Amino acid sequence: MINPFRTAATVLVSAACASALLVLGPAAPASAGVLDVTCTPPSSETVAFTPPLTMTPQTVTVNTSTQYGPCVSASNPALTSGTRTNTSSAPGQTCLELLTNGTTTFTITWNTGQTSTISANRTSTVVGAALVTTHTGTVTSGLFAGSTVLQVLTGAAADVLLCTTGLGKVAGIYSVVTLEITSV
């Protein structure tokens, strides 16, 4: 059965991605490192906020679910996908938090049963109709330890923009994900 919300979200995210690519231009040339793994759309992340984010600070439960795949790894051909899930309670949250920069640590569990723990700097910005969140950092332990990480999430920005002006709420964000882990 076709899920109209998911279909609408996919169309909006696709349009947002196209807008972001037009504004940002083509990707920079690859670095001199060796690509350990790359994951491309339909890799995706769903974040749900309970209660929905508003401009009034409140404690919010944040449920994050990220599905990586298809993934390709020349050094580990059995690696084809990964997942990341997290539930946390965050006090004093507003929709402005979605546009802040900071640091994060997360663990990806690969389909092989191996894990990669990543520490990264996070930047978020609105580009056209897209909310673009970029993680740059390193794998601190597990598979690909010592390698650099670039993860880009691109989702629709409409709810975030309405919320930051006090005209709406953000119950969740659906984003497409690209991930590159590169040894140096």
Protein backbone atom coordinates (compact mmCIF):
# COMPACT_ATOMS: atom_id res chain seq x y z
CA MET A 1 0.00 0.00 0.00
CA ILE A 2 1.30 3.44 -0.88
CA ASN A 3 1.85 5.68 2.11
CA PRO A 4 0.79 9.19 0.98
CA PHE A 5 2.79 10.91 3.75
CA ARG A 6 5.97 9.01 2.85
CA THR A 7 5.40 9.70 -0.86
CA ALA A 8 4.84 13.42 -0.22
CA ALA A 9 7.88 13.55 2.06
CA THR A 10 9.99 11.81 -0.60
CA VAL A 11 8.88 14.30 -3.25
CA LEU A 12 9.62 17.26 -0.95
CA VAL A 13 13.03 15.88 0.02
CA SER A 14 13.88 15.20 -3.63
CA ALA A 15 12.96 18.77 -4.53
CA ALA A 16 14.94 20.06 -1.56
CA CYS A 17 17.97 18.00 -2.60
CA ALA A 18 17.78 19.35 -6.13
CA SER A 19 17.55 22.91 -4.76
CA ALA A 20 20.51 22.31 -2.46
CA LEU A 21 22.62 20.93 -5.31
CA LEU A 22 21.81 23.94 -7.46
CA VAL A 23 22.85 26.31 -4.67
CA LEU A 24 25.85 24.34 -3.44
CA GLY A 25 27.15 23.25 -6.86
CA PRO A 26 29.02 20.04 -7.60
CA ALA A 27 30.88 18.16 -4.89
CA ALA A 28 34.53 18.93 -4.30
CA PRO A 29 37.08 16.53 -5.79
CA ALA A 30 37.76 13.44 -3.72
CA SER A 31 40.66 13.58 -1.30
CA ALA A 32 43.80 11.51 -1.71
CA GLY A 33 42.49 8.94 0.80
CA VAL A 34 41.02 5.55 0.03
CA LEU A 35 37.24 5.26 0.28
CA ASP A 36 36.49 2.62 2.95
CA VAL A 37 32.72 2.70 2.50
CA THR A 38 30.12 4.84 0.81
CA CYS A 39 26.37 4.74 1.42
CA THR A 40 23.93 6.56 -0.84
CA PRO A 41 20.18 7.18 -1.00
CA PRO A 42 17.76 5.65 -0.42
CA SER A 43 19.80 5.76 2.82
CA SER A 44 17.60 7.82 5.12
CA GLU A 45 17.04 9.15 8.62
CA THR A 46 13.78 9.70 10.47
CA VAL A 47 13.76 11.85 13.62
CA ALA A 48 10.57 12.12 15.70
CA PHE A 49 10.05 14.68 18.48
CA THR A 50 7.60 14.00 21.35
CA PRO A 51 6.03 16.45 22.00
CA PRO A 52 6.63 18.32 18.72
CA LEU A 53 9.20 21.12 18.80
CA THR A 54 7.89 24.68 19.14
CA MET A 55 9.48 28.02 20.06
CA THR A 56 8.68 27.33 23.75
CA PRO A 57 11.53 25.48 25.53
CA GLN A 58 10.42 22.04 26.71
CA THR A 59 11.77 18.57 27.45
CA VAL A 60 11.48 16.50 24.30
CA THR A 61 12.00 12.80 23.62
CA VAL A 62 13.99 12.42 20.40
CA ASN A 63 13.77 9.12 18.49
CA THR A 64 16.30 8.75 15.69
CA SER A 65 16.41 5.90 13.19
CA THR A 66 18.95 5.86 10.37
CA GLN A 67 19.06 3.24 7.62
CA TYR A 68 22.27 3.12 5.58
CA GLY A 69 22.12 1.33 2.26
CA PRO A 70 23.02 0.60 -0.34
CA CYS A 71 26.59 0.73 0.89
CA VAL A 72 29.72 -0.31 -1.00
CA SER A 73 33.06 -1.17 0.58
CA ALA A 74 36.03 -2.36 -1.49
CA SER A 75 37.91 -3.48 1.64
CA ASN A 76 34.90 -5.28 3.15
CA PRO A 77 32.64 -6.45 0.25
CA ALA A 78 30.20 -8.19 2.63
CA LEU A 79 29.28 -4.78 4.08
CA THR A 80 26.14 -3.61 2.25
CA SER A 81 24.06 -1.74 4.84
CA GLY A 82 23.96 -0.38 8.37
CA THR A 83 21.64 1.04 11.00
CA ARG A 84 21.71 3.57 13.80
CA THR A 85 18.99 4.09 16.38
CA ASN A 86 18.86 6.33 19.41
CA THR A 87 16.28 7.57 21.89
CA SER A 88 17.15 10.45 24.17
CA SER A 89 15.49 13.03 26.39
CA ALA A 90 16.52 16.60 25.71
CA PRO A 91 15.52 19.39 28.14
CA GLY A 92 14.93 22.98 27.02
CA GLN A 93 14.52 22.17 23.33
CA THR A 94 12.99 24.50 20.73
CA CYS A 95 12.93 24.30 16.94
CA LEU A 96 15.96 26.62 16.92
CA GLU A 97 18.04 23.64 18.10
CA LEU A 98 17.66 22.19 14.59
CA LEU A 99 19.77 25.05 13.23
CA THR A 100 22.59 24.94 15.78
CA ASN A 101 26.08 23.60 15.27
CA GLY A 102 27.75 21.26 17.73
CA THR A 103 29.42 17.92 18.30
CA THR A 104 27.95 14.44 18.24
CA THR A 105 28.96 10.85 18.76
CA PHE A 106 27.05 7.94 17.24
CA THR A 107 27.54 4.27 16.43
CA ILE A 108 26.64 2.54 13.19
CA THR A 109 25.94 -1.20 13.34
CA TRP A 110 26.80 -2.75 9.98
CA ASN A 111 25.01 -5.74 8.44
CA THR A 112 28.20 -7.75 9.16
CA GLY A 113 27.67 -7.29 12.92
CA GLN A 114 30.66 -4.93 13.17
CA THR A 115 30.28 -1.39 14.49
CA SER A 116 31.86 2.00 13.84
CA THR A 117 31.73 4.71 16.51
CA ILE A 118 31.96 8.18 15.02
CA SER A 119 32.75 11.53 16.67
CA ALA A 120 31.85 14.48 14.47
CA ASN A 121 31.20 18.19 14.24
CA ARG A 122 27.65 18.94 13.10
CA THR A 123 26.57 21.98 11.09
CA SER A 124 23.00 22.68 10.04
CA THR A 125 21.76 25.24 7.57
CA VAL A 126 18.80 25.97 5.35
CA VAL A 127 19.69 25.97 1.65
CA GLY A 128 16.72 26.91 -0.50
CA ALA A 129 13.94 24.58 0.61
CA ALA A 130 16.34 22.09 2.22
CA LEU A 131 17.59 21.59 5.76
CA VAL A 132 21.15 20.36 5.24
CA THR A 133 22.99 18.83 8.20
CA THR A 134 26.64 17.90 7.68
CA HIS A 135 28.73 15.72 10.01
CA THR A 136 32.52 15.80 9.59
CA GLY A 137 34.71 13.78 11.91
CA THR A 138 36.49 10.50 12.47
CA VAL A 139 35.79 6.88 13.32
CA THR A 140 37.06 6.67 16.90
CA SER A 141 36.62 2.90 17.38
CA GLY A 142 35.51 -0.24 15.61
CA LEU A 143 35.53 -0.93 11.90
CA PHE A 144 37.44 1.76 9.95
CA ALA A 145 38.96 3.28 13.15
CA GLY A 146 41.05 6.35 12.31
CA SER A 147 39.23 7.06 9.04
CA THR A 148 37.53 10.37 8.28
CA VAL A 149 33.75 10.68 8.00
CA LEU A 150 31.50 12.90 5.90
CA GLN A 151 27.77 12.42 6.37
CA VAL A 152 25.21 14.74 4.76
CA LEU A 153 21.50 14.68 5.61
CA THR A 154 19.08 16.62 3.40
CA GLY A 155 15.47 17.11 4.41
CA ALA A 156 12.63 19.52 3.76
CA ALA A 157 12.96 22.81 5.66
CA ALA A 158 9.34 24.06 5.49
CA ASP A 159 8.26 22.90 8.99
CA VAL A 160 11.50 24.14 10.53
CA LEU A 161 11.13 27.59 8.97
CA LEU A 162 7.47 27.87 10.04
CA CYS A 163 8.39 26.78 13.57
CA THR A 164 11.24 29.27 13.94
CA THR A 165 8.82 32.08 13.08
CA GLY A 166 6.30 30.82 15.66
CA LEU A 167 3.81 29.66 13.02
CA GLY A 168 4.12 25.89 13.37
CA LYS A 169 5.59 22.83 15.04
CA VAL A 170 8.12 20.20 14.06
CA ALA A 171 6.91 16.68 14.86
CA GLY A 172 9.63 15.01 12.81
CA ILE A 173 12.13 15.28 10.00
CA TYR A 174 12.75 12.80 7.19
CA SER A 175 16.12 13.18 5.42
CA VAL A 176 18.03 11.37 2.71
CA VAL A 177 21.57 10.44 3.76
CA THR A 178 24.94 10.12 2.07
CA LEU A 179 27.89 8.73 4.02
CA GLU A 180 31.55 8.47 3.10
CA ILE A 181 34.22 6.96 5.34
CA THR A 182 37.72 7.46 3.97
CA SER A 183 41.05 6.22 5.26
CA VAL A 184 43.81 8.81 5.31
